[in-house]
Amino acid sequence: MTNPKDGAFKAQFNKNGYEIRTDVLGMAKQFTEFEFSNKWMGWEQTTKRDKETGQLIMDVKMPDVPGTDEVLKNAQKFYEFVNGVTSQDKEDKK
């Protein structure tokens, strides 16, 4: 721990549930954006342009832009991981 007299001391407090969920939602959003970005780059690599018309020749379907539902689905997965909930636990509750 640093010396408080150095000005580098920073008190850290535990986060409440809302702050944790906000952080998990932010991580899910970043993950979803990263996943889409990788799919998009892969799609761009596989597309070709017609030399005469300049139009794209697509052999692979362009990835769908993720919406709020996809972000929330990923957030739920992260939140379950943080809480230690497995898919087996979820089925046992049914």
C-alpha atoms as a PDB file:
ATOM      1  CA  MET A   1       0.000   0.000   0.000  1.00  0.00           C
ATOM      2  CA  THR A   2       1.250   3.466  -0.811  1.00  0.00           C
ATOM      3  CA  ASN A   3       1.934   6.193   1.672  1.00  0.00           C
ATOM      4  CA  PRO A   4      -1.052   8.590   1.992  1.00  0.00           C
ATOM      5  CA  LYS A   5       1.373  11.496   2.267  1.00  0.00           C
ATOM      6  CA  ASP A   6       2.561  10.859  -1.304  1.00  0.00           C
ATOM      7  CA  GLY A   7      -0.830  11.823  -2.686  1.00  0.00           C
ATOM      8  CA  ALA A   8      -1.154   8.447  -4.402  1.00  0.00           C
ATOM      9  CA  PHE A   9      -3.397   6.939  -1.737  1.00  0.00           C
ATOM     10  CA  LYS A  10      -6.796   5.964  -3.025  1.00  0.00           C
ATOM     11  CA  ALA A  11      -9.473   4.454  -0.852  1.00  0.00           C
ATOM     12  CA  GLN A  12     -11.375   1.645  -2.530  1.00  0.00           C
ATOM     13  CA  PHE A  13     -14.861   0.819  -1.415  1.00  0.00           C
ATOM     14  CA  ASN A  14     -16.924  -2.230  -2.264  1.00  0.00           C
ATOM     15  CA  LYS A  15     -19.333  -1.741  -5.143  1.00  0.00           C
ATOM     16  CA  ASN A  16     -23.044  -2.099  -4.639  1.00  0.00           C
ATOM     17  CA  GLY A  17     -25.202  -4.374  -6.793  1.00  0.00           C
ATOM     18  CA  TYR A  18     -26.151  -1.621  -9.231  1.00  0.00           C
ATOM     19  CA  GLU A  19     -22.522  -0.708  -9.869  1.00  0.00           C
ATOM     20  CA  ILE A  20     -21.590  -4.339 -10.407  1.00  0.00           C
ATOM     21  CA  ARG A  21     -24.460  -4.876 -12.855  1.00  0.00           C
ATOM     22  CA  THR A  22     -23.483  -1.672 -14.687  1.00  0.00           C
ATOM     23  CA  ASP A  23     -19.902  -2.937 -15.005  1.00  0.00           C
ATOM     24  CA  VAL A  24     -21.107  -6.340 -16.224  1.00  0.00           C
ATOM     25  CA  LEU A  25     -23.386  -4.651 -18.775  1.00  0.00           C
ATOM     26  CA  GLY A  26     -20.435  -2.549 -19.981  1.00  0.00           C
ATOM     27  CA  MET A  27     -18.290  -5.669 -20.356  1.00  0.00           C
ATOM     28  CA  ALA A  28     -21.080  -7.402 -22.281  1.00  0.00           C
ATOM     29  CA  LYS A  29     -21.428  -4.382 -24.587  1.00  0.00           C
ATOM     30  CA  GLN A  30     -17.681  -4.345 -25.251  1.00  0.00           C
ATOM     31  CA  PHE A  31     -17.661  -8.100 -25.843  1.00  0.00           C
ATOM     32  CA  THR A  32     -20.603  -7.876 -28.253  1.00  0.00           C
ATOM     33  CA  GLU A  33     -18.945  -5.022 -30.173  1.00  0.00           C
ATOM     34  CA  PHE A  34     -15.650  -6.946 -30.314  1.00  0.00           C
ATOM     35  CA  GLU A  35     -17.409 -10.095 -31.521  1.00  0.00           C
ATOM     36  CA  PHE A  36     -19.252  -8.161 -34.259  1.00  0.00           C
ATOM     37  CA  SER A  37     -16.058  -6.365 -35.279  1.00  0.00           C
ATOM     38  CA  ASN A  38     -14.265  -9.681 -35.753  1.00  0.00           C
ATOM     39  CA  LYS A  39     -17.165 -11.103 -37.769  1.00  0.00           C
ATOM     40  CA  TRP A  40     -17.237  -7.944 -39.878  1.00  0.00           C
ATOM     41  CA  MET A  41     -13.498  -8.096 -40.578  1.00  0.00           C
ATOM     42  CA  GLY A  42     -13.832 -11.764 -41.531  1.00  0.00           C
ATOM     43  CA  TRP A  43     -16.691 -10.898 -43.862  1.00  0.00           C
ATOM     44  CA  GLU A  44     -14.687  -8.070 -45.455  1.00  0.00           C
ATOM     45  CA  GLN A  45     -11.781 -10.449 -46.049  1.00  0.00           C
ATOM     46  CA  THR A  46     -13.998 -12.921 -47.908  1.00  0.00           C
ATOM     47  CA  THR A  47     -15.843 -10.430 -50.133  1.00  0.00           C
ATOM     48  CA  LYS A  48     -14.590  -9.474 -53.568  1.00  0.00           C
ATOM     49  CA  ARG A  49     -15.375  -6.587 -55.906  1.00  0.00           C
ATOM     50  CA  ASP A  50     -16.327  -6.949 -59.527  1.00  0.00           C
ATOM     51  CA  LYS A  51     -13.559  -5.173 -61.462  1.00  0.00           C
ATOM     52  CA  GLU A  52     -15.964  -3.719 -64.016  1.00  0.00           C
ATOM     53  CA  THR A  53     -18.861  -2.559 -61.834  1.00  0.00           C
ATOM     54  CA  GLY A  54     -17.145  -2.169 -58.455  1.00  0.00           C
ATOM     55  CA  GLN A  55     -20.025  -4.006 -56.770  1.00  0.00           C
ATOM     56  CA  LEU A  56     -19.403  -6.484 -53.994  1.00  0.00           C
ATOM     57  CA  ILE A  57     -19.602 -10.162 -54.840  1.00  0.00           C
ATOM     58  CA  MET A  58     -20.708 -11.864 -51.646  1.00  0.00           C
ATOM     59  CA  ASP A  59     -20.087 -15.550 -51.017  1.00  0.00           C
ATOM     60  CA  VAL A  60     -20.682 -15.202 -47.278  1.00  0.00           C
ATOM     61  CA  LYS A  61     -23.668 -13.530 -45.588  1.00  0.00           C
ATOM     62  CA  MET A  62     -22.858 -10.218 -43.949  1.00  0.00           C
ATOM     63  CA  PRO A  63     -23.044 -10.465 -40.120  1.00  0.00           C
ATOM     64  CA  ASP A  64     -26.071  -8.941 -38.431  1.00  0.00           C
ATOM     65  CA  VAL A  65     -25.444  -5.849 -36.322  1.00  0.00           C
ATOM     66  CA  PRO A  66     -26.117  -6.852 -32.708  1.00  0.00           C
ATOM     67  CA  GLY A  67     -28.923  -5.071 -30.929  1.00  0.00           C
ATOM     68  CA  THR A  68     -29.838  -4.494 -27.321  1.00  0.00           C
ATOM     69  CA  ASP A  69     -31.175  -8.038 -26.932  1.00  0.00           C
ATOM     70  CA  GLU A  70     -27.792  -9.522 -27.882  1.00  0.00           C
ATOM     71  CA  VAL A  71     -25.979  -7.247 -25.409  1.00  0.00           C
ATOM     72  CA  LEU A  72     -28.417  -8.158 -22.619  1.00  0.00           C
ATOM     73  CA  LYS A  73     -28.080 -11.870 -23.432  1.00  0.00           C
ATOM     74  CA  ASN A  74     -24.288 -11.594 -23.115  1.00  0.00           C
ATOM     75  CA  ALA A  75     -24.656  -9.551 -19.916  1.00  0.00           C
ATOM     76  CA  GLN A  76     -26.833 -12.309 -18.438  1.00  0.00           C
ATOM     77  CA  LYS A  77     -24.150 -14.896 -19.293  1.00  0.00           C
ATOM     78  CA  PHE A  78     -21.452 -12.760 -17.639  1.00  0.00           C
ATOM     79  CA  TYR A  79     -23.628 -12.115 -14.585  1.00  0.00           C
ATOM     80  CA  GLU A  80     -24.336 -15.829 -14.187  1.00  0.00           C
ATOM     81  CA  PHE A  81     -20.607 -16.506 -14.419  1.00  0.00           C
ATOM     82  CA  VAL A  82     -19.854 -13.908 -11.741  1.00  0.00           C
ATOM     83  CA  ASN A  83     -22.498 -15.451  -9.477  1.00  0.00           C
ATOM     84  CA  GLY A  84     -21.191 -18.954 -10.128  1.00  0.00           C
ATOM     85  CA  VAL A  85     -24.422 -20.127 -11.745  1.00  0.00           C
ATOM     86  CA  THR A  86     -23.982 -23.003 -14.194  1.00  0.00           C
ATOM     87  CA  SER A  87     -26.393 -24.198 -16.845  1.00  0.00           C
ATOM     88  CA  GLN A  88     -26.933 -27.285 -14.650  1.00  0.00           C
ATOM     89  CA  ASP A  89     -27.996 -25.036 -11.751  1.00  0.00           C
ATOM     90  CA  LYS A  90     -30.521 -23.285 -14.001  1.00  0.00           C
ATOM     91  CA  GLU A  91     -32.022 -26.602 -15.131  1.00  0.00           C
ATOM     92  CA  ASP A  92     -32.236 -27.843 -11.530  1.00  0.00           C
ATOM     93  CA  LYS A  93     -34.387 -24.822 -10.638  1.00  0.00           C
ATOM     94  CA  LYS A  94     -36.942 -25.683 -13.336  1.00  0.00           C
END
